[in-house]
C-alpha atoms as a PDB file:
ATOM      1  CA  MET A   1     -80.936  84.054 116.876  1.00  0.00           C
ATOM      2  CA  GLU A   2     -82.351  87.727 116.389  1.00  0.00           C
ATOM      3  CA  GLN A   3     -80.442  89.071 119.448  1.00  0.00           C
ATOM      4  CA  GLU A   4     -76.806  87.415 118.291  1.00  0.00           C
ATOM      5  CA  VAL A   5     -74.180  90.344 118.461  1.00  0.00           C
ATOM      6  CA  LEU A   6     -72.576  91.423 115.304  1.00  0.00           C
ATOM      7  CA  ARG A   7     -69.926  94.067 114.661  1.00  0.00           C
ATOM      8  CA  ILE A   8     -71.143  96.816 112.373  1.00  0.00           C
ATOM      9  CA  PHE A   9     -69.113  98.950 110.174  1.00  0.00           C
ATOM     10  CA  ASP A  10     -69.556 102.255 108.175  1.00  0.00           C
ATOM     11  CA  GLU A  11     -69.434 102.294 104.393  1.00  0.00           C
ATOM     12  CA  ASN A  12     -65.292 102.366 103.982  1.00  0.00           C
ATOM     13  CA  GLN A  13     -65.867  98.921 106.181  1.00  0.00           C
ATOM     14  CA  ASN A  14     -64.411 101.031 109.282  1.00  0.00           C
ATOM     15  CA  PRO A  15     -65.913  99.394 112.561  1.00  0.00           C
ATOM     16  CA  ILE A  16     -68.305 101.662 114.440  1.00  0.00           C
ATOM     17  CA  GLY A  17     -69.246  99.253 117.248  1.00  0.00           C
ATOM     18  CA  THR A  18     -72.310  96.462 117.398  1.00  0.00           C
ATOM     19  CA  ALA A  19     -75.690  95.765 117.150  1.00  0.00           C
ATOM     20  CA  SER A  20     -78.300  92.835 117.436  1.00  0.00           C
ATOM     21  CA  ARG A  21     -78.809  90.906 114.650  1.00  0.00           C
ATOM     22  CA  ALA A  22     -82.656  92.329 114.389  1.00  0.00           C
ATOM     23  CA  GLU A  23     -81.369  95.432 114.582  1.00  0.00           C
ATOM     24  CA  VAL A  24     -78.707  95.325 111.770  1.00  0.00           C
ATOM     25  CA  HIS A  25     -81.445  93.936 109.358  1.00  0.00           C
ATOM     26  CA  LYS A  26     -83.646  96.780 110.194  1.00  0.00           C
ATOM     27  CA  ILE A  27     -81.637  99.678 109.960  1.00  0.00           C
ATOM     28  CA  GLY A  28     -79.187  98.394 107.273  1.00  0.00           C
ATOM     29  CA  HIS A  29     -75.906  98.381 109.350  1.00  0.00           C
ATOM     30  CA  TRP A  30     -73.115  96.725 107.486  1.00  0.00           C
ATOM     31  CA  HIS A  31     -71.986  93.558 108.669  1.00  0.00           C
ATOM     32  CA  GLU A  32     -69.698  90.369 108.085  1.00  0.00           C
ATOM     33  CA  THR A  33     -71.088  87.272 106.747  1.00  0.00           C
ATOM     34  CA  PHE A  34     -69.271  83.983 105.832  1.00  0.00           C
ATOM     35  CA  HIS A  35     -70.060  82.319 102.455  1.00  0.00           C
ATOM     36  CA  CYS A  36     -69.240  78.863 101.739  1.00  0.00           C
ATOM     37  CA  TRP A  37     -69.616  77.297  98.343  1.00  0.00           C
ATOM     38  CA  PHE A  38     -68.764  73.440  97.501  1.00  0.00           C
ATOM     39  CA  ALA A  39     -67.694  72.476  93.955  1.00  0.00           C
ATOM     40  CA  GLY A  40     -66.698  69.078  92.582  1.00  0.00           C
ATOM     41  CA  ILE A  41     -65.863  67.781  89.230  1.00  0.00           C
ATOM     42  CA  GLU A  42     -67.426  64.833  87.598  1.00  0.00           C
ATOM     43  CA  ASN A  43     -67.384  63.679  84.040  1.00  0.00           C
ATOM     44  CA  ASP A  44     -65.593  66.894  83.243  1.00  0.00           C
ATOM     45  CA  ARG A  45     -68.356  68.955  84.666  1.00  0.00           C
ATOM     46  CA  VAL A  46     -68.310  71.417  87.381  1.00  0.00           C
ATOM     47  CA  TYR A  47     -71.015  70.849  89.978  1.00  0.00           C
ATOM     48  CA  LEU A  48     -72.180  73.494  92.664  1.00  0.00           C
ATOM     49  CA  TYR A  49     -73.934  72.275  95.882  1.00  0.00           C
ATOM     50  CA  PHE A  50     -76.765  73.865  97.507  1.00  0.00           C
ATOM     51  CA  GLN A  51     -78.390  73.969 100.529  1.00  0.00           C
ATOM     52  CA  LEU A  52     -82.470  73.513 100.329  1.00  0.00           C
ATOM     53  CA  ARG A  53     -83.443  76.175 103.240  1.00  0.00           C
ATOM     54  CA  SER A  54     -85.549  74.897 105.811  1.00  0.00           C
ATOM     55  CA  LYS A  55     -89.326  75.651 105.445  1.00  0.00           C
ATOM     56  CA  GLU A  56     -89.287  76.959 109.036  1.00  0.00           C
ATOM     57  CA  LYS A  57     -86.733  80.063 108.108  1.00  0.00           C
ATOM     58  CA  LYS A  58     -88.055  83.241 108.512  1.00  0.00           C
ATOM     59  CA  ASP A  59     -86.169  84.552 105.394  1.00  0.00           C
ATOM     60  CA  TYR A  60     -86.591  82.621 101.750  1.00  0.00           C
ATOM     61  CA  PRO A  61     -88.030  79.198 103.073  1.00  0.00           C
ATOM     62  CA  ASN A  62     -87.846  76.360 101.020  1.00  0.00           C
ATOM     63  CA  LEU A  63     -85.506  78.309  98.435  1.00  0.00           C
ATOM     64  CA  PHE A  64     -82.068  76.618  97.402  1.00  0.00           C
ATOM     65  CA  ASP A  65     -79.081  78.875  98.665  1.00  0.00           C
ATOM     66  CA  ILE A  66     -75.615  78.874  99.006  1.00  0.00           C
ATOM     67  CA  THR A  67     -74.162  75.373 100.395  1.00  0.00           C
ATOM     68  CA  ALA A  68     -73.351  77.042 103.738  1.00  0.00           C
ATOM     69  CA  ALA A  69     -73.141  80.567 105.112  1.00  0.00           C
ATOM     70  CA  GLY A  70     -73.856  82.367 108.186  1.00  0.00           C
ATOM     71  CA  HIS A  71     -73.022  85.778 110.179  1.00  0.00           C
ATOM     72  CA  ILE A  72     -69.752  86.582 111.906  1.00  0.00           C
ATOM     73  CA  LEU A  73     -70.388  87.062 115.407  1.00  0.00           C
ATOM     74  CA  ALA A  74     -69.393  90.262 117.226  1.00  0.00           C
ATOM     75  CA  HIS A  75     -66.634  87.797 119.434  1.00  0.00           C
ATOM     76  CA  GLU A  76     -65.617  85.868 116.303  1.00  0.00           C
ATOM     77  CA  THR A  77     -63.139  85.916 113.573  1.00  0.00           C
ATOM     78  CA  ILE A  78     -63.455  84.989 110.013  1.00  0.00           C
ATOM     79  CA  GLU A  79     -61.891  81.905 110.653  1.00  0.00           C
ATOM     80  CA  ASP A  80     -64.877  81.100 112.981  1.00  0.00           C
ATOM     81  CA  GLY A  81     -67.307  81.009 110.206  1.00  0.00           C
ATOM     82  CA  THR A  82     -66.208  77.126 109.412  1.00  0.00           C
ATOM     83  CA  ARG A  83     -68.626  76.513 112.313  1.00  0.00           C
ATOM     84  CA  GLU A  84     -71.503  77.080 110.240  1.00  0.00           C
ATOM     85  CA  VAL A  85     -70.362  74.278 107.787  1.00  0.00           C
ATOM     86  CA  GLU A  86     -70.383  71.735 110.389  1.00  0.00           C
ATOM     87  CA  GLU A  87     -73.774  72.929 112.307  1.00  0.00           C
ATOM     88  CA  GLU A  88     -75.869  73.368 108.951  1.00  0.00           C
ATOM     89  CA  ILE A  89     -74.790  70.507 106.799  1.00  0.00           C
ATOM     90  CA  GLY A  90     -72.121  68.444 108.918  1.00  0.00           C
ATOM     91  CA  ILE A  91     -69.070  68.623 107.198  1.00  0.00           C
ATOM     92  CA  HIS A  92     -66.088  69.530 109.096  1.00  0.00           C
ATOM     93  CA  VAL A  93     -63.837  71.693 107.335  1.00  0.00           C
ATOM     94  CA  SER A  94     -60.499  73.472 108.471  1.00  0.00           C
ATOM     95  CA  PHE A  95     -60.149  76.961 107.189  1.00  0.00           C
ATOM     96  CA  SER A  96     -56.810  76.161 105.692  1.00  0.00           C
ATOM     97  CA  GLU A  97     -58.710  73.951 103.656  1.00  0.00           C
ATOM     98  CA  LEU A  98     -61.087  76.895 102.039  1.00  0.00           C
ATOM     99  CA  VAL A  99     -59.965  78.978  99.027  1.00  0.00           C
ATOM    100  CA  LEU A 100     -60.509  82.637  99.722  1.00  0.00           C
ATOM    101  CA  LEU A 101     -62.750  84.062  96.166  1.00  0.00           C
ATOM    102  CA  ASP A 102     -63.207  87.419  97.209  1.00  0.00           C
ATOM    103  CA  VAL A 103     -64.643  90.027  99.900  1.00  0.00           C
ATOM    104  CA  MET A 104     -67.814  91.262  98.502  1.00  0.00           C
ATOM    105  CA  LYS A 105     -70.192  93.890  99.653  1.00  0.00           C
ATOM    106  CA  TYR A 106     -73.580  92.577  99.203  1.00  0.00           C
ATOM    107  CA  CYS A 107     -76.965  94.320  99.529  1.00  0.00           C
ATOM    108  CA  VAL A 108     -80.701  93.003  99.635  1.00  0.00           C
ATOM    109  CA  SER A 109     -83.676  95.360 100.496  1.00  0.00           C
ATOM    110  CA  GLN A 110     -87.107  94.323 101.168  1.00  0.00           C
ATOM    111  CA  THR A 111     -90.097  95.555 103.222  1.00  0.00           C
ATOM    112  CA  ASP A 112     -88.695  93.996 106.479  1.00  0.00           C
ATOM    113  CA  LEU A 113     -85.205  93.266 105.678  1.00  0.00           C
ATOM    114  CA  ASN A 114     -82.138  95.543 104.938  1.00  0.00           C
ATOM    115  CA  ASP A 115     -79.176  93.202 104.495  1.00  0.00           C
ATOM    116  CA  ASN A 116     -75.887  94.945 103.696  1.00  0.00           C
ATOM    117  CA  GLU A 117     -73.139  92.390 104.164  1.00  0.00           C
ATOM    118  CA  ILE A 118     -69.780  92.569 103.782  1.00  0.00           C
ATOM    119  CA  ALA A 119     -69.456  88.787 102.367  1.00  0.00           C
ATOM    120  CA  HIS A 120     -66.398  86.817 103.051  1.00  0.00           C
ATOM    121  CA  VAL A 121     -66.764  84.238 100.121  1.00  0.00           C
ATOM    122  CA  TYR A 122     -64.746  80.942  99.945  1.00  0.00           C
ATOM    123  CA  PHE A 123     -64.643  77.786  97.591  1.00  0.00           C
ATOM    124  CA  TYR A 124     -64.357  73.990  99.371  1.00  0.00           C
ATOM    125  CA  PRO A 125     -63.463  71.255  96.701  1.00  0.00           C
ATOM    126  CA  PHE A 126     -65.888  68.463  97.593  1.00  0.00           C
ATOM    127  CA  ASN A 127     -66.233  65.064  95.722  1.00  0.00           C
ATOM    128  CA  LEU A 128     -67.882  63.185  98.435  1.00  0.00           C
ATOM    129  CA  SER A 129     -71.538  61.387  98.027  1.00  0.00           C
ATOM    130  CA  PHE A 130     -74.507  62.908  99.488  1.00  0.00           C
ATOM    131  CA  GLU A 131     -74.192  60.562 102.320  1.00  0.00           C
ATOM    132  CA  ALA A 132     -71.801  62.949 103.929  1.00  0.00           C
ATOM    133  CA  PHE A 133     -74.332  65.439 104.684  1.00  0.00           C
ATOM    134  CA  THR A 134     -75.934  65.606 108.241  1.00  0.00           C
ATOM    135  CA  LEU A 135     -78.206  68.221 108.123  1.00  0.00           C
ATOM    136  CA  GLN A 136     -79.239  70.682 110.944  1.00  0.00           C
ATOM    137  CA  LYS A 137     -82.843  70.423 110.405  1.00  0.00           C
ATOM    138  CA  GLU A 138     -84.141  73.800 111.890  1.00  0.00           C
ATOM    139  CA  GLU A 139     -81.773  75.340 109.185  1.00  0.00           C
ATOM    140  CA  VAL A 140     -81.547  72.796 106.604  1.00  0.00           C
ATOM    141  CA  SER A 141     -84.011  70.561 105.006  1.00  0.00           C
ATOM    142  CA  GLY A 142     -81.896  69.147 101.870  1.00  0.00           C
ATOM    143  CA  MET A 143     -78.850  69.309  99.912  1.00  0.00           C
ATOM    144  CA  VAL A 144     -78.766  69.458  95.965  1.00  0.00           C
ATOM    145  CA  ARG A 145     -76.253  69.777  93.109  1.00  0.00           C
ATOM    146  CA  ALA A 146     -76.293  71.478  89.781  1.00  0.00           C
ATOM    147  CA  ASP A 147     -74.089  71.732  86.812  1.00  0.00           C
ATOM    148  CA  LEU A 148     -72.029  74.794  87.037  1.00  0.00           C
ATOM    149  CA  HIS A 149     -72.750  75.852  83.221  1.00  0.00           C
ATOM    150  CA  SER A 150     -76.441  75.561  83.460  1.00  0.00           C
ATOM    151  CA  PHE A 151     -76.719  77.584  86.570  1.00  0.00           C
ATOM    152  CA  ARG A 152     -74.947  80.190  85.055  1.00  0.00           C
ATOM    153  CA  GLU A 153     -77.483  80.339  81.860  1.00  0.00           C
ATOM    154  CA  LEU A 154     -80.233  80.010  84.373  1.00  0.00           C
ATOM    155  CA  ILE A 155     -78.914  83.108  86.020  1.00  0.00           C
ATOM    156  CA  SER A 156     -78.254  85.036  83.017  1.00  0.00           C
ATOM    157  CA  SER A 157     -81.716  84.121  81.624  1.00  0.00           C
ATOM    158  CA  ARG A 158     -80.141  81.895  79.128  1.00  0.00           C
ATOM    159  CA  ARG A 159     -82.506  79.047  80.140  1.00  0.00           C
ATOM    160  CA  SER A 160     -85.793  78.625  81.978  1.00  0.00           C
ATOM    161  CA  SER A 161     -85.080  75.819  84.450  1.00  0.00           C
ATOM    162  CA  LEU A 162     -82.346  73.773  85.380  1.00  0.00           C
ATOM    163  CA  LEU A 163     -81.685  69.949  86.687  1.00  0.00           C
ATOM    164  CA  VAL A 164     -80.884  69.549  90.810  1.00  0.00           C
ATOM    165  CA  GLU A 165     -80.337  66.205  92.075  1.00  0.00           C
ATOM    166  CA  GLY A 166     -79.992  65.468  95.557  1.00  0.00           C
ATOM    167  CA  PHE A 167     -82.245  64.738  98.499  1.00  0.00           C
ATOM    168  CA  GLU A 168     -84.502  66.106 101.074  1.00  0.00           C
ATOM    169  CA  VAL A 169     -85.077  65.299 104.566  1.00  0.00           C
ATOM    170  CA  ASP A 170     -89.076  64.451 105.347  1.00  0.00           C
ATOM    171  CA  GLN A 171     -90.622  65.384 108.800  1.00  0.00           C
ATOM    172  CA  ASP A 172     -89.874  62.019 110.010  1.00  0.00           C
ATOM    173  CA  ASP A 173     -86.152  62.330 109.022  1.00  0.00           C
ATOM    174  CA  THR A 174     -86.758  59.962 105.937  1.00  0.00           C
ATOM    175  CA  ARG A 175     -84.173  61.112 103.350  1.00  0.00           C
ATOM    176  CA  ARG A 176     -86.155  61.216  99.773  1.00  0.00           C
ATOM    177  CA  THR A 177     -84.294  61.641  96.465  1.00  0.00           C
ATOM    178  CA  ILE A 178     -84.830  64.720  94.428  1.00  0.00           C
ATOM    179  CA  GLN A 179     -84.511  65.042  90.853  1.00  0.00           C
ATOM    180  CA  THR A 180     -86.192  68.265  89.338  1.00  0.00           C
ATOM    181  CA  GLU A 181     -86.409  70.863  86.999  1.00  0.00           C
ATOM    182  CA  VAL A 182     -86.195  74.286  89.185  1.00  0.00           C
ATOM    183  CA  ASP A 183     -86.489  77.928  87.555  1.00  0.00           C
ATOM    184  CA  LYS A 184     -84.666  81.309  89.073  1.00  0.00           C
ATOM    185  CA  THR A 185     -87.109  81.483  91.217  1.00  0.00           C
ATOM    186  CA  GLY A 186     -86.351  78.407  93.769  1.00  0.00           C
ATOM    187  CA  PHE A 187     -83.224  80.026  94.189  1.00  0.00           C
ATOM    188  CA  VAL A 188     -82.639  82.669  96.846  1.00  0.00           C
ATOM    189  CA  PRO A 189     -82.556  85.885  95.124  1.00  0.00           C
ATOM    190  CA  HIS A 190     -78.880  87.274  95.508  1.00  0.00           C
ATOM    191  CA  GLU A 191     -77.904  89.571  93.147  1.00  0.00           C
ATOM    192  CA  ASP A 192     -77.047  88.192  89.760  1.00  0.00           C
ATOM    193  CA  ALA A 193     -73.652  90.089  89.793  1.00  0.00           C
ATOM    194  CA  TYR A 194     -72.925  88.282  92.837  1.00  0.00           C
ATOM    195  CA  TYR A 195     -73.539  84.931  91.616  1.00  0.00           C
ATOM    196  CA  GLU A 196     -71.829  85.554  88.487  1.00  0.00           C
ATOM    197  CA  ARG A 197     -68.561  86.673  90.380  1.00  0.00           C
ATOM    198  CA  VAL A 198     -68.686  83.717  92.299  1.00  0.00           C
ATOM    199  CA  LEU A 199     -69.232  81.652  89.223  1.00  0.00           C
ATOM    200  CA  ASP A 200     -66.381  83.366  87.431  1.00  0.00           C
ATOM    201  CA  LEU A 201     -64.052  82.673  90.341  1.00  0.00           C
ATOM    202  CA  ILE A 202     -65.014  78.885  91.298  1.00  0.00           C
ATOM    203  CA  GLU A 203     -64.472  78.205  87.432  1.00  0.00           C
ATOM    204  CA  GLU A 204     -60.951  79.892  87.680  1.00  0.00           C
ATOM    205  CA  LYS A 205     -59.946  77.816  90.710  1.00  0.00           C
ATOM    206  CA  MET A 206     -60.834  74.855  89.496  1.00  0.00           C
ATOM    207  CA  LYS A 207     -59.197  75.205  86.134  1.00  0.00           C
ATOM    208  CA  ARG A 208     -55.874  75.498  88.268  1.00  0.00           C
ATOM    209  CA  LYS A 209     -56.607  72.286  89.979  1.00  0.00           C
END
């Protein structure tokens, strides 16, 4: 995976060549990613769906994250990003079913990671049961949902935890129901501004339905 080849860009999003994923994250080259958020309505409440990253992941293991996301490879178009949804969580979606939320410049800097993304962020209306998910064990070990309003309060530190519900897959491939309180440290530390922007846009799209 570290040898995957990605397109790289300058600060103005002009293409400047290609580089391996390892080099991209070491040097901090701008590169394209695909983010897909699932959300659904039940009893007049909007729920967001989060994947639980595998304990074996190099980055952010065992934390809750965007429903499905990944890198756009050098030979791919943005439409090819839909493969991430089917690969990671087993839901087939066509690009025409997705709603573009925004294209965001997104940055994370840590000791061994300089992640500068041009993130193409999409929304998918989802109202099926958790049984619909089939997980890629190497990447994802569970799926949960949480009330969007409560998640917003968590991100803005207006509450200390929120309830998530869903399932986790054990080592023997048995699904175990999850219903627990999770604080902010249980989620991948995307920038608060990123989360706020995504939540605003999802709420806006849901109101139009």
